[in-house]
N, C-alpha and C. Protein backbone atom coordinates (compact mmCIF):
# COMPACT_ATOMS: atom_id res chain seq x y z
N MET A 1 12.14 19.55 6.73
CA MET A 1 10.76 18.53 6.04
C MET A 1 9.49 19.09 6.08
N GLU A 2 8.62 19.26 5.84
CA GLU A 2 7.37 19.73 5.71
C GLU A 2 6.56 18.71 6.58
N TYR A 3 6.80 17.18 6.61
CA TYR A 3 6.15 16.19 7.66
C TYR A 3 6.95 16.28 8.93
N GLU A 4 5.81 16.14 9.89
CA GLU A 4 6.39 15.51 11.16
C GLU A 4 6.18 14.03 11.24
N LEU A 5 6.94 13.31 11.04
CA LEU A 5 6.61 11.63 11.61
C LEU A 5 6.62 11.59 12.97
N LEU A 6 5.27 11.16 13.33
CA LEU A 6 4.98 10.71 14.70
C LEU A 6 5.17 9.79 15.15
N GLN A 7 4.68 8.42 14.46
CA GLN A 7 5.16 6.98 15.19
C GLN A 7 4.88 6.09 14.01
N GLN A 8 5.54 4.86 14.10
CA GLN A 8 5.61 4.05 13.26
C GLN A 8 4.64 3.03 13.36
N ILE A 9 4.15 3.11 12.13
CA ILE A 9 2.63 1.91 12.08
C ILE A 9 3.34 0.75 11.35
N GLY A 10 4.15 0.51 10.69
CA GLY A 10 4.25 -0.60 9.82
C GLY A 10 5.87 -0.39 9.74
N LYS A 11 6.57 -2.19 9.34
CA LYS A 11 7.66 -2.15 8.77
C LYS A 11 7.45 -3.63 7.88
N GLY A 12 7.99 -2.89 6.99
CA GLY A 12 8.05 -4.01 5.82
C GLY A 12 9.63 -4.38 5.13
N SER A 13 9.97 -4.76 4.36
CA SER A 13 11.46 -5.28 4.06
C SER A 13 11.85 -4.21 3.25
N CYS A 14 11.38 -3.28 3.03
CA CYS A 14 11.92 -2.01 1.80
C CYS A 14 12.00 -0.82 2.63
N GLY A 15 11.33 -0.80 3.92
CA GLY A 15 11.21 0.51 4.72
C GLY A 15 10.05 0.10 5.72
N SER A 16 10.13 1.65 6.49
CA SER A 16 9.07 1.54 7.74
C SER A 16 7.97 3.12 6.88
N VAL A 17 6.66 2.09 7.51
CA VAL A 17 5.53 3.28 7.48
C VAL A 17 5.21 4.13 8.61
N TYR A 18 4.95 5.26 8.53
CA TYR A 18 4.81 6.25 9.85
C TYR A 18 3.70 7.28 9.41
N ARG A 19 3.01 7.34 10.87
CA ARG A 19 1.64 8.34 10.61
C ARG A 19 2.57 9.58 11.08
N ALA A 20 1.98 10.51 9.88
CA ALA A 20 2.99 12.03 9.99
C ALA A 20 2.13 13.40 10.00
N ARG A 21 2.26 14.38 10.29
CA ARG A 21 1.38 15.17 10.30
C ARG A 21 2.34 16.73 9.25
N HIS A 22 1.52 16.87 8.09
CA HIS A 22 1.86 18.28 7.65
C HIS A 22 1.72 19.31 8.34
N ARG A 23 3.27 19.71 8.66
CA ARG A 23 3.34 20.90 9.41
C ARG A 23 2.61 22.06 8.90
N LEU A 24 2.07 22.29 7.84
CA LEU A 24 1.58 24.00 7.45
C LEU A 24 0.08 23.23 7.60
N THR A 25 -0.44 22.34 7.46
CA THR A 25 -1.93 22.05 7.37
C THR A 25 -2.53 21.51 8.33
N ASP A 26 -1.55 20.78 9.17
CA ASP A 26 -1.60 19.73 10.44
C ASP A 26 -2.86 18.34 9.78
N ALA A 27 -2.81 18.27 8.34
CA ALA A 27 -3.66 16.88 7.97
C ALA A 27 -2.70 15.67 8.05
N VAL A 28 -3.11 14.56 8.42
CA VAL A 28 -2.12 13.18 8.83
C VAL A 28 -2.42 12.44 7.55
N TYR A 29 -1.23 11.81 7.47
CA TYR A 29 -0.96 11.04 6.51
C TYR A 29 -0.29 9.92 6.48
N ALA A 30 0.05 9.04 5.83
CA ALA A 30 0.86 7.72 5.94
C ALA A 30 2.46 8.17 5.09
N VAL A 31 3.40 8.19 5.62
CA VAL A 31 4.82 8.28 4.96
C VAL A 31 5.48 7.17 5.07
N LYS A 32 5.63 6.55 3.68
CA LYS A 32 6.75 5.29 3.59
C LYS A 32 7.96 5.85 3.51
N ARG A 33 9.06 5.32 4.35
CA ARG A 33 10.57 5.78 4.56
C ARG A 33 11.10 4.98 3.85
N MET A 34 11.93 4.98 2.96
CA MET A 34 12.93 3.85 2.47
C MET A 34 14.02 4.67 1.98
N ASP A 35 15.41 3.88 2.89
CA ASP A 35 16.61 4.25 2.59
C ASP A 35 17.53 3.81 1.48
N VAL A 36 17.53 4.67 0.45
CA VAL A 36 18.38 4.05 -0.53
C VAL A 36 19.89 4.20 -0.65
N ARG A 37 20.47 4.36 0.41
CA ARG A 37 21.97 4.47 0.38
C ARG A 37 22.14 2.76 -0.07
N ARG A 38 21.89 2.00 0.32
CA ARG A 38 22.37 0.81 0.16
C ARG A 38 21.32 0.09 -0.84
N SER A 39 20.42 0.63 -1.55
CA SER A 39 19.56 -0.48 -2.39
C SER A 39 20.14 -0.94 -3.68
N THR A 40 19.51 -2.25 -3.68
CA THR A 40 19.78 -2.90 -5.03
C THR A 40 18.85 -2.26 -6.14
N HIS A 41 19.41 -3.07 -7.04
CA HIS A 41 18.75 -2.56 -8.56
C HIS A 41 17.20 -2.93 -8.54
N TYR A 42 16.81 -3.96 -8.03
CA TYR A 42 15.21 -4.36 -7.92
C TYR A 42 14.87 -3.55 -6.92
N GLU A 43 15.18 -3.09 -5.75
CA GLU A 43 14.86 -2.09 -4.57
C GLU A 43 14.19 -1.06 -4.84
N THR A 44 15.49 -0.40 -6.28
CA THR A 44 15.18 0.74 -7.08
C THR A 44 13.99 0.56 -7.87
N VAL A 45 14.15 -0.64 -8.73
CA VAL A 45 12.73 -0.82 -9.56
C VAL A 45 11.81 -0.67 -9.07
N CYS A 46 11.44 -1.23 -7.72
CA CYS A 46 10.13 -1.58 -7.11
C CYS A 46 10.01 -0.20 -6.60
N ILE A 47 10.87 0.95 -6.31
CA ILE A 47 10.44 1.93 -5.42
C ILE A 47 9.80 3.22 -6.74
N VAL A 48 10.44 2.73 -7.80
CA VAL A 48 9.92 3.50 -9.06
C VAL A 48 8.40 2.94 -9.71
N ASN A 49 8.46 1.75 -9.49
CA ASN A 49 6.83 1.28 -10.10
C ASN A 49 6.47 1.45 -9.13
N GLU A 50 6.22 1.44 -7.77
CA GLU A 50 5.14 1.94 -6.71
C GLU A 50 5.13 3.25 -7.02
N LEU A 51 5.87 4.39 -7.30
CA LEU A 51 5.47 5.68 -7.64
C LEU A 51 4.53 5.71 -8.85
N ARG A 52 4.83 5.20 -9.57
CA ARG A 52 3.96 5.16 -11.30
C ARG A 52 2.92 4.97 -10.89
N VAL A 53 2.68 3.65 -10.25
CA VAL A 53 1.19 2.95 -9.88
C VAL A 53 0.61 4.12 -9.08
N LEU A 54 1.21 4.57 -7.78
CA LEU A 54 0.66 5.26 -6.95
C LEU A 54 0.14 6.61 -7.66
N SER A 55 0.97 7.32 -8.35
CA SER A 55 0.75 8.45 -8.46
C SER A 55 -0.13 8.44 -9.85
N SER A 56 -0.49 7.56 -10.58
CA SER A 56 -1.19 8.06 -11.67
C SER A 56 -2.79 6.92 -11.70
N HIS A 57 -2.69 6.07 -10.73
CA HIS A 57 -4.31 5.66 -10.85
C HIS A 57 -5.40 6.52 -10.01
N LYS A 58 -6.67 6.17 -10.44
CA LYS A 58 -7.64 6.24 -10.31
C LYS A 58 -9.00 5.36 -9.84
N CYS A 59 -8.65 4.53 -8.90
CA CYS A 59 -9.12 3.78 -8.04
C CYS A 59 -9.29 4.07 -6.64
N PRO A 60 -10.81 4.15 -6.15
CA PRO A 60 -10.86 4.43 -4.51
C PRO A 60 -10.57 3.25 -3.87
N PHE A 61 -10.24 2.25 -4.68
CA PHE A 61 -9.95 1.17 -3.44
C PHE A 61 -8.40 0.78 -3.98
N ILE A 62 -7.32 1.65 -3.93
CA ILE A 62 -6.29 1.72 -3.65
C ILE A 62 -5.77 2.77 -3.32
N ILE A 63 -4.81 2.48 -2.57
CA ILE A 63 -4.62 3.86 -1.75
C ILE A 63 -4.31 4.98 -2.49
N ALA A 64 -4.23 6.27 -1.76
CA ALA A 64 -4.22 7.11 -2.56
C ALA A 64 -2.87 8.18 -2.44
N PHE A 65 -2.08 8.42 -3.68
CA PHE A 65 -0.89 8.97 -3.62
C PHE A 65 -0.95 10.54 -3.40
N LYS A 66 -0.45 11.22 -2.12
CA LYS A 66 -0.53 12.55 -2.35
C LYS A 66 1.03 13.40 -2.60
N THR A 67 2.37 12.77 -2.32
CA THR A 67 3.31 13.21 -3.06
C THR A 67 4.64 12.48 -2.43
N ALA A 68 6.05 12.53 -3.17
CA ALA A 68 7.05 11.94 -2.44
C ALA A 68 8.13 12.83 -2.67
N PHE A 69 9.22 12.73 -1.42
CA PHE A 69 10.41 13.44 -2.00
C PHE A 69 11.38 13.03 -1.37
N MET A 70 12.69 13.25 -1.38
CA MET A 70 13.89 12.83 -0.90
C MET A 70 14.24 13.51 0.44
N HIS A 71 14.70 13.10 1.33
CA HIS A 71 15.44 13.62 2.59
C HIS A 71 16.06 12.71 3.38
N GLU A 72 17.42 13.39 3.52
CA GLU A 72 18.65 12.21 4.36
C GLU A 72 18.63 11.13 3.93
N ASN A 73 18.88 11.01 2.64
CA ASN A 73 19.29 9.60 1.83
C ASN A 73 17.69 8.81 1.99
N CYS A 74 16.71 9.16 1.93
CA CYS A 74 15.41 8.32 2.04
C CYS A 74 14.48 8.69 1.13
N ILE A 75 14.07 8.35 0.25
CA ILE A 75 12.32 8.34 -0.14
C ILE A 75 11.53 8.27 0.66
N HIS A 76 10.71 9.31 0.60
CA HIS A 76 9.79 9.13 1.57
C HIS A 76 8.15 9.31 0.34
N ILE A 77 7.16 8.49 0.44
CA ILE A 77 6.07 8.30 -0.16
C ILE A 77 4.80 8.66 0.66
N VAL A 78 4.18 9.68 0.75
CA VAL A 78 3.27 10.20 1.18
C VAL A 78 1.76 9.92 0.58
N THR A 79 1.00 9.14 1.07
CA THR A 79 -0.25 8.69 0.99
C THR A 79 -1.32 8.95 1.78
N GLU A 80 -2.45 8.41 1.64
CA GLU A 80 -3.72 8.77 3.07
C GLU A 80 -2.88 8.22 3.72
N LEU A 81 -3.52 8.26 5.20
CA LEU A 81 -3.56 7.36 6.05
C LEU A 81 -5.18 6.44 6.31
N ALA A 82 -4.81 5.11 6.07
CA ALA A 82 -6.12 4.14 6.48
C ALA A 82 -6.04 4.08 7.74
N THR A 83 -6.72 5.09 8.58
CA THR A 83 -6.91 4.97 10.17
C THR A 83 -7.35 3.53 10.60
N GLN A 84 -8.21 2.63 10.07
CA GLN A 84 -8.25 1.34 10.71
C GLN A 84 -7.51 0.42 10.72
N GLY A 85 -6.29 0.68 9.90
CA GLY A 85 -5.37 -0.17 9.85
C GLY A 85 -5.58 -1.33 9.32
N ASP A 86 -4.91 -2.24 9.02
CA ASP A 86 -4.96 -3.50 7.87
C ASP A 86 -5.87 -4.77 8.02
N LEU A 87 -5.84 -5.01 7.08
CA LEU A 87 -6.87 -6.55 7.16
C LEU A 87 -6.55 -7.47 8.36
N ALA A 88 -5.14 -7.92 8.37
CA ALA A 88 -4.42 -9.04 9.05
C ALA A 88 -5.17 -8.54 10.64
N ALA A 89 -5.11 -7.13 10.86
CA ALA A 89 -4.86 -6.83 12.29
C ALA A 89 -6.10 -6.87 12.76
N LEU A 90 -7.29 -6.60 11.44
CA LEU A 90 -8.64 -6.78 11.71
C LEU A 90 -9.22 -8.07 12.04
N VAL A 91 -8.74 -9.03 11.50
CA VAL A 91 -9.11 -10.41 11.29
C VAL A 91 -8.42 -10.99 12.65
N LYS A 92 -7.35 -10.60 13.19
CA LYS A 92 -6.92 -11.21 14.21
C LYS A 92 -7.73 -10.48 15.63
N ARG A 93 -7.78 -9.12 15.80
CA ARG A 93 -8.71 -8.63 16.51
C ARG A 93 -10.32 -9.47 16.49
N ARG A 94 -10.74 -9.43 15.40
CA ARG A 94 -12.20 -10.12 15.31
C ARG A 94 -12.18 -11.81 15.83
N ALA A 95 -10.91 -12.62 15.41
CA ALA A 95 -11.06 -13.78 16.22
C ALA A 95 -11.10 -13.72 17.50
N ALA A 96 -10.31 -12.99 18.14
CA ALA A 96 -10.61 -13.01 19.65
C ALA A 96 -11.92 -12.50 20.66
N GLU A 97 -12.49 -12.06 19.50
CA GLU A 97 -14.33 -12.12 19.96
C GLU A 97 -15.15 -12.79 19.80
N PRO A 98 -16.33 -13.23 20.67
CA PRO A 98 -17.06 -14.17 20.52
C PRO A 98 -17.97 -13.96 19.22
N LYS A 99 -18.53 -12.96 18.72
CA LYS A 99 -18.96 -12.72 17.42
C LYS A 99 -17.85 -12.61 16.43
N PRO A 100 -18.33 -13.41 15.08
CA PRO A 100 -17.21 -13.81 14.08
C PRO A 100 -17.67 -12.02 12.94
N ILE A 101 -16.96 -12.01 12.01
CA ILE A 101 -17.37 -11.05 11.05
C ILE A 101 -18.48 -11.33 10.20
N ALA A 102 -19.33 -10.38 10.40
CA ALA A 102 -20.47 -10.88 9.40
C ALA A 102 -20.24 -11.27 7.84
N GLU A 103 -21.34 -12.39 7.43
CA GLU A 103 -20.90 -12.54 6.22
C GLU A 103 -21.17 -11.41 5.43
N SER A 104 -21.94 -10.50 5.25
CA SER A 104 -21.74 -9.46 4.44
C SER A 104 -20.86 -8.52 4.35
N GLU A 105 -20.12 -8.22 5.52
CA GLU A 105 -18.95 -7.72 5.76
C GLU A 105 -17.91 -8.27 5.00
N VAL A 106 -17.57 -9.13 5.34
CA VAL A 106 -16.89 -10.17 4.30
C VAL A 106 -17.10 -10.10 2.73
N TRP A 107 -18.22 -9.91 2.31
CA TRP A 107 -18.32 -10.28 0.68
C TRP A 107 -18.27 -8.64 0.52
N SER A 108 -18.31 -7.70 1.36
CA SER A 108 -18.10 -6.50 0.85
C SER A 108 -16.42 -5.80 0.76
N TYR A 109 -15.73 -6.51 1.76
CA TYR A 109 -14.29 -6.21 1.66
C TYR A 109 -13.61 -6.89 0.26
N PHE A 110 -14.40 -8.30 0.36
CA PHE A 110 -13.85 -9.06 -1.20
C PHE A 110 -14.29 -8.56 -2.41
N LEU A 111 -15.63 -7.83 -2.65
CA LEU A 111 -15.73 -6.95 -3.68
C LEU A 111 -14.94 -5.79 -3.89
N GLN A 112 -14.78 -5.06 -2.93
CA GLN A 112 -13.81 -3.72 -3.22
C GLN A 112 -12.28 -4.20 -3.18
N LEU A 113 -11.86 -5.16 -2.72
CA LEU A 113 -10.69 -6.10 -3.02
C LEU A 113 -10.65 -6.34 -4.52
N ALA A 114 -11.37 -7.10 -4.75
CA ALA A 114 -11.73 -7.47 -6.39
C ALA A 114 -11.75 -6.28 -7.45
N ILE A 115 -12.43 -5.08 -7.02
CA ILE A 115 -12.36 -4.09 -8.08
C ILE A 115 -11.10 -3.36 -7.91
N GLY A 116 -10.43 -3.47 -6.89
CA GLY A 116 -9.11 -2.62 -6.97
C GLY A 116 -8.07 -3.57 -7.94
N VAL A 117 -8.15 -5.00 -7.64
CA VAL A 117 -7.34 -6.03 -8.31
C VAL A 117 -7.91 -5.50 -9.74
N SER A 118 -8.87 -5.84 -10.21
CA SER A 118 -9.50 -5.67 -11.80
C SER A 118 -8.74 -4.51 -12.21
N TYR A 119 -8.90 -3.30 -11.39
CA TYR A 119 -8.36 -2.05 -11.98
C TYR A 119 -7.11 -2.15 -12.29
N LEU A 120 -6.18 -2.60 -11.25
CA LEU A 120 -5.00 -2.82 -11.77
C LEU A 120 -4.51 -3.80 -12.93
N HIS A 121 -5.18 -4.90 -12.94
CA HIS A 121 -5.23 -5.58 -14.39
C HIS A 121 -5.43 -4.96 -15.32
N ALA A 122 -6.40 -3.92 -15.38
CA ALA A 122 -6.90 -3.16 -16.96
C ALA A 122 -5.98 -2.24 -16.95
N ILE A 123 -4.80 -1.64 -16.15
CA ILE A 123 -3.93 -0.81 -16.41
C ILE A 123 -2.72 -1.86 -16.67
N ASN A 124 -2.93 -2.63 -17.10
CA ASN A 124 -1.82 -3.62 -16.78
C ASN A 124 -0.47 -3.94 -15.75
N VAL A 125 -0.74 -4.33 -14.63
CA VAL A 125 -0.31 -4.15 -13.61
C VAL A 125 -0.70 -5.40 -12.51
N ILE A 126 0.65 -6.29 -12.01
CA ILE A 126 0.07 -7.34 -11.33
C ILE A 126 0.69 -7.26 -10.06
N HIS A 127 -0.27 -7.24 -8.85
CA HIS A 127 0.17 -6.80 -7.78
C HIS A 127 0.85 -7.76 -7.21
N ARG A 128 2.35 -8.56 -7.37
CA ARG A 128 2.46 -9.46 -6.74
C ARG A 128 3.00 -9.83 -5.11
N ASP A 129 2.01 -9.14 -4.37
CA ASP A 129 1.99 -9.29 -3.03
C ASP A 129 0.89 -9.03 -2.61
N LEU A 130 -0.06 -9.87 -2.53
CA LEU A 130 -1.38 -9.89 -2.08
C LEU A 130 -1.49 -10.45 -1.02
N LYS A 131 -1.81 -9.79 0.21
CA LYS A 131 -2.13 -10.27 1.78
C LYS A 131 -2.79 -9.64 1.98
N PRO A 132 -3.16 -10.07 3.53
CA PRO A 132 -4.26 -9.02 4.36
C PRO A 132 -3.38 -8.00 4.76
N ALA A 133 -1.89 -8.15 5.53
CA ALA A 133 -1.26 -7.11 6.01
C ALA A 133 -1.02 -6.13 4.74
N ASN A 134 -1.10 -5.87 3.30
CA ASN A 134 -1.33 -5.06 2.12
C ASN A 134 -2.51 -4.39 2.22
N VAL A 135 -3.27 -5.05 2.75
CA VAL A 135 -5.39 -4.52 2.76
C VAL A 135 -5.40 -3.65 3.86
N PHE A 136 -5.46 -2.37 3.27
CA PHE A 136 -5.72 -1.53 4.43
C PHE A 136 -7.71 -0.65 4.73
N LEU A 137 -7.86 -0.31 5.44
CA LEU A 137 -9.24 0.24 5.67
C LEU A 137 -9.07 1.41 6.16
N ASP A 138 -10.08 2.31 5.33
CA ASP A 138 -9.59 3.58 6.01
C ASP A 138 -11.27 4.11 7.06
N GLY A 139 -11.00 5.25 7.25
CA GLY A 139 -11.73 5.72 8.40
C GLY A 139 -13.62 5.19 8.35
N GLU A 140 -14.12 5.07 7.30
CA GLU A 140 -15.47 4.17 6.95
C GLU A 140 -15.62 2.72 6.61
N GLY A 141 -14.25 2.26 6.85
CA GLY A 141 -14.25 1.01 6.70
C GLY A 141 -14.27 0.35 5.06
N ARG A 142 -13.91 1.21 4.21
CA ARG A 142 -13.92 0.57 2.83
C ARG A 142 -12.19 0.52 2.64
N ILE A 143 -12.00 -0.65 1.78
CA ILE A 143 -11.13 -1.41 1.47
C ILE A 143 -10.06 -0.38 0.55
N LYS A 144 -8.64 -0.28 0.93
CA LYS A 144 -7.47 0.34 0.63
C LYS A 144 -6.43 -0.79 0.14
N LEU A 145 -6.37 -1.07 -1.19
CA LEU A 145 -4.94 -1.76 -1.43
C LEU A 145 -3.50 -1.11 -1.48
N GLY A 146 -2.78 -1.53 -0.75
CA GLY A 146 -1.21 -1.23 -0.49
C GLY A 146 -0.29 -2.01 -0.90
N ASP A 147 0.89 -1.08 -0.94
CA ASP A 147 1.85 -1.78 -1.29
C ASP A 147 2.26 -2.19 -2.07
N VAL A 148 2.14 -1.28 -3.16
CA VAL A 148 2.23 -1.60 -4.66
C VAL A 148 3.63 -1.67 -5.03
N GLY A 149 4.68 -1.89 -4.36
CA GLY A 149 5.89 -1.47 -4.69
C GLY A 149 6.29 -2.80 -5.28
N VAL A 150 5.90 -4.34 -5.15
CA VAL A 150 6.31 -5.41 -5.87
C VAL A 150 4.84 -5.84 -6.67
N VAL A 151 5.39 -4.75 -7.93
CA VAL A 151 4.40 -5.34 -9.14
C VAL A 151 5.06 -5.64 -10.26
N LYS A 152 4.21 -6.09 -10.79
CA LYS A 152 4.46 -6.41 -12.46
C LYS A 152 3.86 -5.64 -13.62
N LEU A 153 4.89 -4.78 -14.43
CA LEU A 153 4.57 -3.85 -15.41
C LEU A 153 4.20 -4.80 -16.50
N MET A 154 2.84 -4.94 -16.78
CA MET A 154 2.52 -5.79 -18.21
C MET A 154 3.16 -4.96 -19.36
N ARG A 155 3.89 -5.48 -20.61
CA ARG A 155 3.60 -4.71 -21.71
C ARG A 155 2.84 -5.18 -22.73
N CYS A 156 2.59 -4.32 -23.55
CA CYS A 156 1.77 -4.75 -24.74
C CYS A 156 2.15 -6.07 -25.25
N TYR A 157 3.62 -6.66 -25.56
CA TYR A 157 4.19 -8.02 -26.25
C TYR A 157 4.19 -8.87 -25.16
N MET A 158 4.06 -8.87 -23.56
CA MET A 158 3.69 -10.03 -23.12
C MET A 158 2.20 -10.65 -23.03
N MET A 159 2.32 -11.80 -23.41
CA MET A 159 0.99 -13.05 -23.19
C MET A 159 0.62 -12.77 -21.74
N TRP A 160 1.32 -13.13 -21.18
CA TRP A 160 1.51 -13.40 -19.61
C TRP A 160 2.42 -13.21 -18.83
N GLY A 161 2.08 -12.88 -17.37
CA GLY A 161 3.29 -12.62 -16.47
C GLY A 161 3.41 -13.87 -16.02
N GLN A 162 4.93 -14.29 -15.45
CA GLN A 162 5.16 -15.64 -14.90
C GLN A 162 6.08 -14.85 -13.49
N THR A 163 5.90 -15.27 -12.51
CA THR A 163 6.03 -14.33 -11.33
C THR A 163 6.03 -15.40 -10.18
N HIS A 164 6.95 -15.74 -9.19
CA HIS A 164 6.85 -16.10 -8.24
C HIS A 164 7.50 -15.37 -6.72
N VAL A 165 7.20 -14.14 -6.82
CA VAL A 165 7.76 -13.36 -6.02
C VAL A 165 6.67 -12.37 -5.05
N GLY A 166 6.95 -12.38 -4.04
CA GLY A 166 5.87 -11.60 -2.93
C GLY A 166 7.07 -10.76 -2.27
N THR A 167 7.05 -10.43 -1.13
CA THR A 167 7.46 -9.60 -0.21
C THR A 167 8.82 -9.79 -0.72
N PRO A 168 10.05 -8.82 -0.77
CA PRO A 168 11.46 -9.66 -0.94
C PRO A 168 12.00 -9.84 0.12
N LEU A 169 12.72 -10.91 0.17
CA LEU A 169 13.46 -11.78 1.29
C LEU A 169 12.66 -13.12 1.39
């Protein structure tokens, strides 16, 4: 395998995410590892949708796709690493501090997130699992929308999307 999984940095209903190092370049990425041996049809569709969206988007506020591959009955999706973690962890850390998050910082995050969601809507994608744990921060504190596995791909004949699904389970 080209990537060495260094440490688990997240776990969701469909798989685990690892900090990983590319063996040839030493570059560090995030690798989402999903076991497909017992995948349901729904889970397989989610994986395919995630690959479609990640591999084709052109938005700086959505996590960047590097590659994907199969290894030991698992699909591995390699993306940029959001080195500052997710928004849920940031809010938790900042809540423990005496000084709250600055209003300008909140507005900046909100606007970046809105641009990312607007981009998805413009390409007929509905993110059905928006929550702070799926909003990541890169090394410069920029928002990166992630976990686009539970999306609704809208077709031209659909007037609106009806959904009440978030994280599977």
